[in-house]
């Protein structure tokens, strides 16, 4: 596989108005969802594509109620940066699996209070 660093390169730009920002967010979301099977194959994930798509949806939903145009532009920039790094295979498997830590390892969850953590041997 040949890696072309400019394969997914885009110029950084600001959204003109809310409809432009909405269009750009939907375009970014669709790019991620369409590439889920390719990501699964590239990183040899033992997760179904539906789980990847669900996690993508959760990450976008986390920022659903952002109401500042500049913040949306920054989030879009970060999203595209992650997308480019993922599809150009610049990430390692651990970088991808950090999003699925709770699903992969039940012990990776944090204790609900101090006493539980203390009794489990965590500081």
N, C-alpha and C. Protein backbone atom coordinates (compact mmCIF):
# COMPACT_ATOMS: atom_id res chain seq x y z
N UNK A 1 0.83 -1.17 0.00
CA UNK A 1 0.00 0.00 0.00
C UNK A 1 0.89 1.24 0.00
N UNK A 2 0.65 2.12 -0.94
CA UNK A 2 1.39 3.36 -1.06
C UNK A 2 0.63 4.47 -0.35
N UNK A 3 1.34 5.17 0.51
CA UNK A 3 0.72 6.26 1.26
C UNK A 3 1.01 7.57 0.55
N UNK A 4 -0.05 8.27 0.23
CA UNK A 4 0.05 9.57 -0.42
C UNK A 4 -0.41 10.63 0.58
N UNK A 5 0.49 11.42 1.14
CA UNK A 5 0.11 12.37 2.18
C UNK A 5 -0.91 13.41 1.73
N UNK A 6 -0.96 13.71 0.45
CA UNK A 6 -1.90 14.72 -0.02
C UNK A 6 -3.21 14.11 -0.49
N UNK A 7 -3.41 12.81 -0.27
CA UNK A 7 -4.60 12.10 -0.73
C UNK A 7 -5.89 12.75 -0.21
N UNK A 8 -5.92 13.10 1.03
CA UNK A 8 -7.13 13.66 1.64
C UNK A 8 -6.94 15.11 2.09
N UNK A 9 -5.94 15.76 1.59
CA UNK A 9 -5.63 17.13 2.04
C UNK A 9 -6.73 18.09 1.62
N UNK A 10 -7.04 19.00 2.52
CA UNK A 10 -8.01 20.06 2.26
C UNK A 10 -7.48 21.36 2.81
N UNK A 11 -7.90 22.43 2.23
CA UNK A 11 -7.56 23.74 2.78
C UNK A 11 -8.44 24.02 3.99
N UNK A 12 -7.87 24.65 4.98
CA UNK A 12 -8.64 25.04 6.15
C UNK A 12 -9.45 26.27 5.79
N UNK A 13 -10.73 26.24 6.14
CA UNK A 13 -11.57 27.39 5.84
C UNK A 13 -12.63 27.53 6.92
N UNK A 14 -13.21 28.71 6.96
CA UNK A 14 -14.27 28.99 7.93
C UNK A 14 -15.62 28.87 7.24
N UNK A 15 -16.60 28.53 8.02
CA UNK A 15 -17.96 28.45 7.50
C UNK A 15 -18.50 29.85 7.30
N UNK A 16 -19.25 30.04 6.23
CA UNK A 16 -19.82 31.35 5.92
C UNK A 16 -21.02 31.65 6.82
N UNK A 17 -21.88 30.64 6.98
CA UNK A 17 -23.07 30.80 7.80
C UNK A 17 -23.45 29.43 8.37
N UNK A 18 -24.60 29.38 9.04
CA UNK A 18 -25.01 28.13 9.69
C UNK A 18 -25.34 27.04 8.68
N UNK A 19 -25.93 27.38 7.56
CA UNK A 19 -26.26 26.35 6.58
C UNK A 19 -24.99 25.76 5.96
N UNK A 20 -23.98 26.59 5.76
CA UNK A 20 -22.70 26.09 5.26
C UNK A 20 -22.05 25.16 6.28
N UNK A 21 -22.09 25.55 7.55
CA UNK A 21 -21.53 24.70 8.60
C UNK A 21 -22.26 23.37 8.69
N UNK A 22 -23.58 23.41 8.58
CA UNK A 22 -24.37 22.18 8.63
C UNK A 22 -24.02 21.27 7.46
N UNK A 23 -23.87 21.84 6.29
CA UNK A 23 -23.51 21.05 5.11
C UNK A 23 -22.14 20.41 5.28
N UNK A 24 -21.20 21.16 5.83
CA UNK A 24 -19.86 20.63 6.04
C UNK A 24 -19.84 19.53 7.09
N UNK A 25 -20.63 19.67 8.14
CA UNK A 25 -20.71 18.64 9.19
C UNK A 25 -21.30 17.36 8.60
N UNK A 26 -22.37 17.48 7.84
CA UNK A 26 -22.99 16.31 7.23
C UNK A 26 -22.03 15.63 6.26
N UNK A 27 -21.28 16.42 5.50
CA UNK A 27 -20.30 15.85 4.58
C UNK A 27 -19.21 15.09 5.34
N UNK A 28 -18.74 15.66 6.44
CA UNK A 28 -17.72 15.00 7.25
C UNK A 28 -18.26 13.70 7.85
N UNK A 29 -19.49 13.76 8.36
CA UNK A 29 -20.11 12.56 8.94
C UNK A 29 -20.25 11.45 7.89
N UNK A 30 -20.69 11.80 6.71
CA UNK A 30 -20.85 10.80 5.65
C UNK A 30 -19.51 10.20 5.24
N UNK A 31 -18.47 11.02 5.19
CA UNK A 31 -17.13 10.50 4.88
C UNK A 31 -16.71 9.45 5.90
N UNK A 32 -16.91 9.75 7.18
CA UNK A 32 -16.55 8.80 8.22
C UNK A 32 -17.35 7.51 8.11
N UNK A 33 -18.67 7.64 7.93
CA UNK A 33 -19.53 6.45 7.89
C UNK A 33 -19.19 5.58 6.67
N UNK A 34 -18.95 6.21 5.54
CA UNK A 34 -18.63 5.45 4.33
C UNK A 34 -17.28 4.74 4.44
N UNK A 35 -16.38 5.28 5.21
CA UNK A 35 -15.06 4.67 5.32
C UNK A 35 -14.96 3.64 6.44
N UNK A 36 -16.02 3.40 7.18
CA UNK A 36 -15.99 2.45 8.29
C UNK A 36 -15.54 1.05 7.86
N UNK A 37 -16.05 0.48 6.75
CA UNK A 37 -15.56 -0.85 6.35
C UNK A 37 -14.07 -0.85 6.00
N UNK A 38 -13.61 0.22 5.39
CA UNK A 38 -12.19 0.31 5.04
C UNK A 38 -11.32 0.43 6.30
N UNK A 39 -11.79 1.17 7.28
CA UNK A 39 -11.05 1.30 8.54
C UNK A 39 -10.98 -0.04 9.25
N UNK A 40 -12.08 -0.76 9.26
CA UNK A 40 -12.11 -2.07 9.89
C UNK A 40 -11.11 -3.01 9.22
N UNK A 41 -11.06 -2.98 7.91
CA UNK A 41 -10.16 -3.86 7.17
C UNK A 41 -8.69 -3.43 7.34
N UNK A 42 -8.42 -2.14 7.26
CA UNK A 42 -7.04 -1.65 7.37
C UNK A 42 -6.41 -1.97 8.72
N UNK A 43 -7.16 -1.74 9.79
CA UNK A 43 -6.63 -1.92 11.13
C UNK A 43 -6.94 -3.30 11.70
N UNK A 44 -7.56 -4.17 10.89
CA UNK A 44 -7.89 -5.54 11.28
C UNK A 44 -8.61 -5.57 12.63
N UNK A 45 -9.65 -4.77 12.74
CA UNK A 45 -10.42 -4.68 13.98
C UNK A 45 -11.35 -5.88 14.08
N UNK A 46 -11.48 -6.42 15.27
CA UNK A 46 -12.42 -7.51 15.48
C UNK A 46 -13.77 -6.98 15.97
N UNK A 47 -14.13 -5.83 15.48
CA UNK A 47 -15.42 -5.19 15.77
C UNK A 47 -16.23 -5.14 14.49
N UNK A 48 -17.54 -5.34 14.56
CA UNK A 48 -18.35 -5.23 13.34
C UNK A 48 -18.42 -3.77 12.87
N UNK A 49 -18.70 -3.61 11.60
CA UNK A 49 -18.80 -2.27 11.01
C UNK A 49 -19.90 -1.47 11.69
N UNK A 50 -20.96 -2.14 12.10
CA UNK A 50 -22.06 -1.43 12.77
C UNK A 50 -21.58 -0.79 14.07
N UNK A 51 -20.67 -1.43 14.79
CA UNK A 51 -20.13 -0.85 16.02
C UNK A 51 -19.28 0.38 15.71
N UNK A 52 -18.51 0.31 14.64
CA UNK A 52 -17.72 1.47 14.23
C UNK A 52 -18.64 2.64 13.88
N UNK A 53 -19.67 2.36 13.13
CA UNK A 53 -20.60 3.43 12.74
C UNK A 53 -21.33 4.00 13.94
N UNK A 54 -21.67 3.16 14.89
CA UNK A 54 -22.32 3.64 16.11
C UNK A 54 -21.39 4.57 16.88
N UNK A 55 -20.13 4.21 16.98
CA UNK A 55 -19.17 5.05 17.69
C UNK A 55 -18.95 6.38 16.95
N UNK A 56 -18.93 6.33 15.62
CA UNK A 56 -18.81 7.56 14.84
C UNK A 56 -20.00 8.47 15.13
N UNK A 57 -21.18 7.88 15.16
CA UNK A 57 -22.39 8.65 15.45
C UNK A 57 -22.33 9.26 16.84
N UNK A 58 -21.86 8.50 17.81
CA UNK A 58 -21.75 9.01 19.18
C UNK A 58 -20.79 10.19 19.27
N UNK A 59 -19.69 10.10 18.54
CA UNK A 59 -18.71 11.18 18.56
C UNK A 59 -19.29 12.46 17.95
N UNK A 60 -20.07 12.32 16.89
CA UNK A 60 -20.70 13.50 16.29
C UNK A 60 -21.82 14.02 17.18
N UNK A 61 -22.58 13.14 17.80
CA UNK A 61 -23.68 13.55 18.67
C UNK A 61 -23.18 14.27 19.92
N UNK A 62 -21.97 13.96 20.33
CA UNK A 62 -21.40 14.59 21.52
C UNK A 62 -21.31 16.10 21.36
N UNK A 63 -21.16 16.56 20.13
CA UNK A 63 -21.03 17.99 19.86
C UNK A 63 -22.26 18.56 19.14
N UNK A 64 -23.38 17.91 19.31
CA UNK A 64 -24.59 18.30 18.59
C UNK A 64 -25.06 19.72 18.91
N UNK A 65 -24.94 20.13 20.14
CA UNK A 65 -25.52 21.40 20.56
C UNK A 65 -24.49 22.53 20.66
N UNK A 66 -23.42 22.42 19.94
CA UNK A 66 -22.46 23.53 19.88
C UNK A 66 -23.12 24.66 19.09
N UNK A 67 -23.07 25.87 19.63
CA UNK A 67 -23.79 26.97 18.99
C UNK A 67 -22.89 28.14 18.59
N UNK A 68 -21.61 27.89 18.42
CA UNK A 68 -20.69 28.93 17.96
C UNK A 68 -20.03 28.45 16.67
N UNK A 69 -20.09 29.30 15.68
CA UNK A 69 -19.59 28.94 14.35
C UNK A 69 -18.09 28.63 14.37
N UNK A 70 -17.33 29.39 15.12
CA UNK A 70 -15.88 29.14 15.17
C UNK A 70 -15.56 27.81 15.83
N UNK A 71 -16.32 27.44 16.82
CA UNK A 71 -16.11 26.16 17.48
C UNK A 71 -16.43 25.02 16.52
N UNK A 72 -17.49 25.17 15.76
CA UNK A 72 -17.85 24.15 14.76
C UNK A 72 -16.74 24.02 13.73
N UNK A 73 -16.18 25.14 13.29
CA UNK A 73 -15.09 25.10 12.33
C UNK A 73 -13.87 24.37 12.90
N UNK A 74 -13.58 24.61 14.17
CA UNK A 74 -12.45 23.95 14.81
C UNK A 74 -12.71 22.45 14.93
N UNK A 75 -13.94 22.08 15.29
CA UNK A 75 -14.29 20.66 15.39
C UNK A 75 -14.23 19.98 14.02
N UNK A 76 -14.66 20.69 12.99
CA UNK A 76 -14.56 20.13 11.63
C UNK A 76 -13.11 19.94 11.22
N UNK A 77 -12.26 20.89 11.56
CA UNK A 77 -10.84 20.76 11.26
C UNK A 77 -10.26 19.53 11.95
N UNK A 78 -10.57 19.37 13.24
CA UNK A 78 -10.07 18.21 13.99
C UNK A 78 -10.62 16.91 13.44
N UNK A 79 -11.88 16.91 13.04
CA UNK A 79 -12.48 15.71 12.46
C UNK A 79 -11.78 15.32 11.17
N UNK A 80 -11.54 16.30 10.32
CA UNK A 80 -10.87 15.98 9.07
C UNK A 80 -9.42 15.54 9.29
N UNK A 81 -8.77 16.13 10.27
CA UNK A 81 -7.41 15.73 10.60
C UNK A 81 -7.38 14.27 11.06
N UNK A 82 -8.31 13.89 11.93
CA UNK A 82 -8.40 12.50 12.38
C UNK A 82 -8.72 11.57 11.21
N UNK A 83 -9.61 12.02 10.35
CA UNK A 83 -10.00 11.23 9.18
C UNK A 83 -8.80 10.98 8.27
N UNK A 84 -8.04 12.02 8.00
CA UNK A 84 -6.87 11.89 7.14
C UNK A 84 -5.82 10.99 7.78
N UNK A 85 -5.56 11.16 9.06
CA UNK A 85 -4.58 10.32 9.74
C UNK A 85 -5.02 8.86 9.77
N UNK A 86 -6.31 8.63 9.93
CA UNK A 86 -6.82 7.26 9.99
C UNK A 86 -6.71 6.58 8.63
N UNK A 87 -7.17 7.23 7.59
CA UNK A 87 -7.18 6.59 6.27
C UNK A 87 -5.79 6.54 5.62
N UNK A 88 -4.88 7.40 6.02
CA UNK A 88 -3.52 7.30 5.50
C UNK A 88 -2.68 6.33 6.31
N UNK A 89 -3.28 5.69 7.29
CA UNK A 89 -2.63 4.69 8.13
C UNK A 89 -1.46 5.29 8.91
N UNK A 90 -1.67 6.51 9.40
CA UNK A 90 -0.68 7.17 10.22
C UNK A 90 -0.90 6.87 11.69
N UNK A 91 -1.99 6.20 12.00
CA UNK A 91 -2.29 5.85 13.39
C UNK A 91 -1.94 4.39 13.62
N UNK A 92 -1.79 4.05 14.88
CA UNK A 92 -1.59 2.66 15.24
C UNK A 92 -2.90 2.12 15.79
N UNK A 93 -2.93 0.82 15.97
CA UNK A 93 -4.16 0.16 16.43
C UNK A 93 -4.63 0.72 17.77
N UNK A 94 -3.70 1.03 18.65
CA UNK A 94 -4.10 1.56 19.96
C UNK A 94 -4.79 2.91 19.85
N UNK A 95 -4.42 3.71 18.84
CA UNK A 95 -5.07 5.01 18.65
C UNK A 95 -6.53 4.82 18.24
N UNK A 96 -6.80 3.79 17.49
CA UNK A 96 -8.18 3.51 17.07
C UNK A 96 -8.98 2.90 18.21
N UNK A 97 -8.36 1.99 18.95
CA UNK A 97 -9.08 1.28 20.00
C UNK A 97 -9.34 2.13 21.24
N UNK A 98 -8.70 3.30 21.34
CA UNK A 98 -8.98 4.15 22.51
C UNK A 98 -10.43 4.61 22.53
N UNK A 99 -11.07 4.67 21.36
CA UNK A 99 -12.48 5.05 21.31
C UNK A 99 -13.40 3.93 21.79
N UNK A 100 -12.90 2.70 21.80
CA UNK A 100 -13.72 1.55 22.16
C UNK A 100 -13.25 0.91 23.46
N UNK A 101 -12.57 1.67 24.28
CA UNK A 101 -11.98 1.10 25.49
C UNK A 101 -13.02 0.43 26.39
N UNK A 102 -14.14 1.04 26.60
CA UNK A 102 -15.16 0.45 27.48
C UNK A 102 -15.73 -0.83 26.89
N UNK A 103 -15.86 -0.92 25.56
CA UNK A 103 -16.39 -2.12 24.93
C UNK A 103 -15.35 -3.24 24.91
N UNK A 104 -14.08 -2.88 24.75
CA UNK A 104 -13.03 -3.89 24.63
C UNK A 104 -12.61 -4.47 25.98
N UNK A 105 -12.48 -3.60 26.99
CA UNK A 105 -11.95 -4.04 28.27
C UNK A 105 -12.83 -3.51 29.39
N UNK A 106 -13.63 -4.38 30.01
CA UNK A 106 -14.51 -3.90 31.09
C UNK A 106 -13.73 -3.34 32.28
N UNK A 107 -12.48 -3.74 32.48
CA UNK A 107 -11.69 -3.22 33.59
C UNK A 107 -11.18 -1.81 33.33
N UNK A 108 -11.31 -1.32 32.07
CA UNK A 108 -10.81 0.01 31.74
C UNK A 108 -11.74 1.10 32.26
N UNK A 109 -12.93 0.77 32.68
CA UNK A 109 -13.85 1.78 33.20
C UNK A 109 -13.35 2.27 34.55
N UNK A 110 -13.65 3.51 34.84
CA UNK A 110 -13.25 4.09 36.11
C UNK A 110 -14.25 3.72 37.18
N UNK A 111 -13.80 3.56 38.41
CA UNK A 111 -14.75 3.25 39.49
C UNK A 111 -15.69 4.42 39.73
N UNK A 112 -16.87 4.11 40.24
CA UNK A 112 -17.87 5.15 40.44
C UNK A 112 -17.56 6.06 41.63
N UNK A 113 -16.82 5.55 42.61
CA UNK A 113 -16.45 6.40 43.73
C UNK A 113 -15.07 6.00 44.26
N UNK A 114 -14.57 6.75 45.21
CA UNK A 114 -13.22 6.53 45.71
C UNK A 114 -13.07 5.18 46.39
N UNK A 115 -14.04 4.80 47.18
CA UNK A 115 -13.93 3.56 47.95
C UNK A 115 -13.84 2.35 47.03
N UNK A 116 -14.66 2.30 45.99
CA UNK A 116 -14.60 1.19 45.04
C UNK A 116 -13.21 1.10 44.40
N UNK A 117 -12.68 2.25 44.01
CA UNK A 117 -11.35 2.27 43.40
C UNK A 117 -10.28 1.83 44.39
N UNK A 118 -10.41 2.26 45.64
CA UNK A 118 -9.45 1.89 46.65
C UNK A 118 -9.50 0.39 46.93
N UNK A 119 -10.71 -0.15 47.00
CA UNK A 119 -10.84 -1.59 47.29
C UNK A 119 -10.39 -2.44 46.10
N UNK A 120 -10.45 -1.89 44.89
CA UNK A 120 -9.96 -2.63 43.72
C UNK A 120 -8.46 -2.54 43.59
N UNK A 121 -7.80 -1.72 44.41
CA UNK A 121 -6.36 -1.61 44.37
C UNK A 121 -5.86 -0.47 43.51
N UNK A 122 -6.73 0.43 43.15
CA UNK A 122 -6.34 1.60 42.36
C UNK A 122 -6.09 2.78 43.29
N UNK A 123 -5.20 3.63 42.90
CA UNK A 123 -4.93 4.84 43.69
C UNK A 123 -5.78 5.96 43.20
